[in-house]
C-alpha atoms as a PDB file:
ATOM      1  CA  UNK A   1       4.915  10.566  10.934  1.00  0.00           C
ATOM      2  CA  UNK A   2       2.937   8.611   8.391  1.00  0.00           C
ATOM      3  CA  UNK A   3       2.385   4.941   9.048  1.00  0.00           C
ATOM      4  CA  UNK A   4       2.417   3.811   5.406  1.00  0.00           C
ATOM      5  CA  UNK A   5       4.953   5.019   2.856  1.00  0.00           C
ATOM      6  CA  UNK A   6       5.713   4.277  -0.791  1.00  0.00           C
ATOM      7  CA  UNK A   7       7.471   0.926  -1.444  1.00  0.00           C
ATOM      8  CA  UNK A   8       6.082  -0.615   1.784  1.00  0.00           C
ATOM      9  CA  UNK A   9       4.491  -4.047   1.610  1.00  0.00           C
ATOM     10  CA  UNK A  10       0.863  -3.979   2.728  1.00  0.00           C
ATOM     11  CA  UNK A  11      -2.008  -6.447   3.067  1.00  0.00           C
ATOM     12  CA  UNK A  12      -5.604  -5.598   2.102  1.00  0.00           C
ATOM     13  CA  UNK A  13      -7.998  -5.879   5.075  1.00  0.00           C
ATOM     14  CA  UNK A  14     -11.398  -5.764   3.364  1.00  0.00           C
ATOM     15  CA  UNK A  15     -13.098  -5.723  -0.007  1.00  0.00           C
ATOM     16  CA  UNK A  16     -12.885  -7.978  -3.051  1.00  0.00           C
ATOM     17  CA  UNK A  17      -9.090  -8.314  -2.727  1.00  0.00           C
ATOM     18  CA  UNK A  18      -9.049  -9.112   1.010  1.00  0.00           C
ATOM     19  CA  UNK A  19      -5.845 -10.913   2.015  1.00  0.00           C
ATOM     20  CA  UNK A  20      -3.811  -9.901  -1.044  1.00  0.00           C
ATOM     21  CA  UNK A  21      -0.382  -8.395  -0.535  1.00  0.00           C
ATOM     22  CA  UNK A  22       1.361  -5.834  -2.662  1.00  0.00           C
ATOM     23  CA  UNK A  23       3.802  -2.967  -2.730  1.00  0.00           C
ATOM     24  CA  UNK A  24       2.570   0.601  -2.317  1.00  0.00           C
ATOM     25  CA  UNK A  25       3.255   2.473  -5.548  1.00  0.00           C
ATOM     26  CA  UNK A  26       1.875   5.870  -4.610  1.00  0.00           C
ATOM     27  CA  UNK A  27       0.249   7.711  -1.714  1.00  0.00           C
ATOM     28  CA  UNK A  28      -2.559  10.171  -2.514  1.00  0.00           C
ATOM     29  CA  UNK A  29      -2.353  12.215   0.678  1.00  0.00           C
ATOM     30  CA  UNK A  30      -5.159  14.680  -0.024  1.00  0.00           C
ATOM     31  CA  UNK A  31      -7.730  11.902  -0.322  1.00  0.00           C
ATOM     32  CA  UNK A  32      -6.190   9.389   2.160  1.00  0.00           C
ATOM     33  CA  UNK A  33      -5.723   6.764  -0.549  1.00  0.00           C
ATOM     34  CA  UNK A  34      -2.952   4.383  -1.607  1.00  0.00           C
ATOM     35  CA  UNK A  35      -2.202   2.733  -4.936  1.00  0.00           C
ATOM     36  CA  UNK A  36      -1.096  -0.888  -4.384  1.00  0.00           C
ATOM     37  CA  UNK A  37       0.536  -2.960  -7.135  1.00  0.00           C
ATOM     38  CA  UNK A  38      -1.726  -5.704  -8.491  1.00  0.00           C
ATOM     39  CA  UNK A  39      -4.651  -4.934  -6.165  1.00  0.00           C
ATOM     40  CA  UNK A  40      -8.106  -3.465  -6.928  1.00  0.00           C
ATOM     41  CA  UNK A  41      -7.794  -4.053 -10.671  1.00  0.00           C
ATOM     42  CA  UNK A  42     -10.601  -2.680 -12.859  1.00  0.00           C
ATOM     43  CA  UNK A  43     -11.328  -2.927 -16.578  1.00  0.00           C
ATOM     44  CA  UNK A  44     -11.263   0.256 -18.649  1.00  0.00           C
ATOM     45  CA  UNK A  45     -12.384   0.631 -22.250  1.00  0.00           C
ATOM     46  CA  UNK A  46     -10.001   2.946 -24.114  1.00  0.00           C
ATOM     47  CA  UNK A  47     -10.548   4.619 -27.455  1.00  0.00           C
ATOM     48  CA  UNK A  48      -7.700   4.366 -29.963  1.00  0.00           C
ATOM     49  CA  UNK A  49      -5.447   7.405 -30.343  1.00  0.00           C
ATOM     50  CA  UNK A  50      -2.708   8.153 -32.882  1.00  0.00           C
ATOM     51  CA  UNK A  51       0.006   6.400 -30.900  1.00  0.00           C
ATOM     52  CA  UNK A  52      -2.083   4.120 -28.599  1.00  0.00           C
ATOM     53  CA  UNK A  53      -4.213   1.148 -29.585  1.00  0.00           C
ATOM     54  CA  UNK A  54      -7.750   0.986 -28.238  1.00  0.00           C
ATOM     55  CA  UNK A  55      -9.352  -1.909 -26.424  1.00  0.00           C
ATOM     56  CA  UNK A  56      -9.951  -3.255 -22.950  1.00  0.00           C
ATOM     57  CA  UNK A  57      -7.192  -2.486 -20.465  1.00  0.00           C
ATOM     58  CA  UNK A  58      -6.601  -3.457 -16.825  1.00  0.00           C
ATOM     59  CA  UNK A  59      -5.835  -0.642 -14.405  1.00  0.00           C
ATOM     60  CA  UNK A  60      -5.126  -0.377 -10.660  1.00  0.00           C
ATOM     61  CA  UNK A  61      -7.423   1.876  -8.672  1.00  0.00           C
ATOM     62  CA  UNK A  62      -6.636   3.459  -5.282  1.00  0.00           C
ATOM     63  CA  UNK A  63      -7.800   1.994  -1.965  1.00  0.00           C
ATOM     64  CA  UNK A  64      -8.594   3.940   1.187  1.00  0.00           C
ATOM     65  CA  UNK A  65      -5.606   3.940   3.529  1.00  0.00           C
ATOM     66  CA  UNK A  66      -7.700   2.466   6.363  1.00  0.00           C
ATOM     67  CA  UNK A  67      -8.312  -0.685   4.290  1.00  0.00           C
ATOM     68  CA  UNK A  68      -4.633  -1.696   4.189  1.00  0.00           C
ATOM     69  CA  UNK A  69      -2.183  -2.674   6.940  1.00  0.00           C
ATOM     70  CA  UNK A  70       1.594  -2.615   6.950  1.00  0.00           C
ATOM     71  CA  UNK A  71       3.344  -6.031   6.866  1.00  0.00           C
ATOM     72  CA  UNK A  72       6.332  -6.566   9.152  1.00  0.00           C
ATOM     73  CA  UNK A  73       9.258  -8.090   7.210  1.00  0.00           C
ATOM     74  CA  UNK A  74      10.476 -10.090  10.235  1.00  0.00           C
ATOM     75  CA  UNK A  75       7.279 -11.713  11.573  1.00  0.00           C
ATOM     76  CA  UNK A  76       5.480 -11.530   8.179  1.00  0.00           C
ATOM     77  CA  UNK A  77       2.202 -10.398   9.787  1.00  0.00           C
ATOM     78  CA  UNK A  78       0.039  -7.313   9.443  1.00  0.00           C
ATOM     79  CA  UNK A  79       0.953  -4.903  12.208  1.00  0.00           C
ATOM     80  CA  UNK A  80      -0.019  -1.424  13.276  1.00  0.00           C
ATOM     81  CA  UNK A  81       3.313   0.376  13.683  1.00  0.00           C
ATOM     82  CA  UNK A  82       4.240   2.492  16.675  1.00  0.00           C
ATOM     83  CA  UNK A  83       6.648   5.404  16.760  1.00  0.00           C
ATOM     84  CA  UNK A  84      10.031   5.010  18.371  1.00  0.00           C
ATOM     85  CA  UNK A  85      13.452   6.633  18.453  1.00  0.00           C
ATOM     86  CA  UNK A  86      16.901   5.249  17.759  1.00  0.00           C
ATOM     87  CA  UNK A  87      20.010   6.008  19.833  1.00  0.00           C
ATOM     88  CA  UNK A  88      20.894   8.749  17.323  1.00  0.00           C
ATOM     89  CA  UNK A  89      17.518  10.420  17.896  1.00  0.00           C
ATOM     90  CA  UNK A  90      15.995   9.500  14.517  1.00  0.00           C
ATOM     91  CA  UNK A  91      12.296   8.636  14.467  1.00  0.00           C
ATOM     92  CA  UNK A  92      11.425   5.143  13.194  1.00  0.00           C
ATOM     93  CA  UNK A  93       8.372   2.910  12.838  1.00  0.00           C
ATOM     94  CA  UNK A  94       8.401  -0.186  15.044  1.00  0.00           C
ATOM     95  CA  UNK A  95       6.345  -3.376  14.815  1.00  0.00           C
ATOM     96  CA  UNK A  96       4.079  -3.770  17.844  1.00  0.00           C
ATOM     97  CA  UNK A  97       4.339  -7.577  17.683  1.00  0.00           C
ATOM     98  CA  UNK A  98       8.098  -8.194  17.393  1.00  0.00           C
ATOM     99  CA  UNK A  99       9.700  -4.756  17.902  1.00  0.00           C
ATOM    100  CA  UNK A 100      11.497  -4.793  14.533  1.00  0.00           C
ATOM    101  CA  UNK A 101      12.160  -1.511  12.684  1.00  0.00           C
ATOM    102  CA  UNK A 102       9.848  -1.186   9.700  1.00  0.00           C
END
């Protein structure tokens, strides 16, 4: 079971954007990277094409998955989730600090 999934809220643990929060847009599983909305922005210079104007554009770049932590919606803190099971037998992620289902 993966600890971080798309549309989870995460906090950046290190780097130039340390402390920023954002939603995970995409998981790049083969390279252990995540794309977080509004985090790790870089400037790209693009050449003009027939249907696209050229110029300087801002773009999000992936972060390594170890540099982000899942945020618990109940206690609003970064938490390392643990695996648990519901009464029905479904596997869920649980917050280690408050026990809430993530």
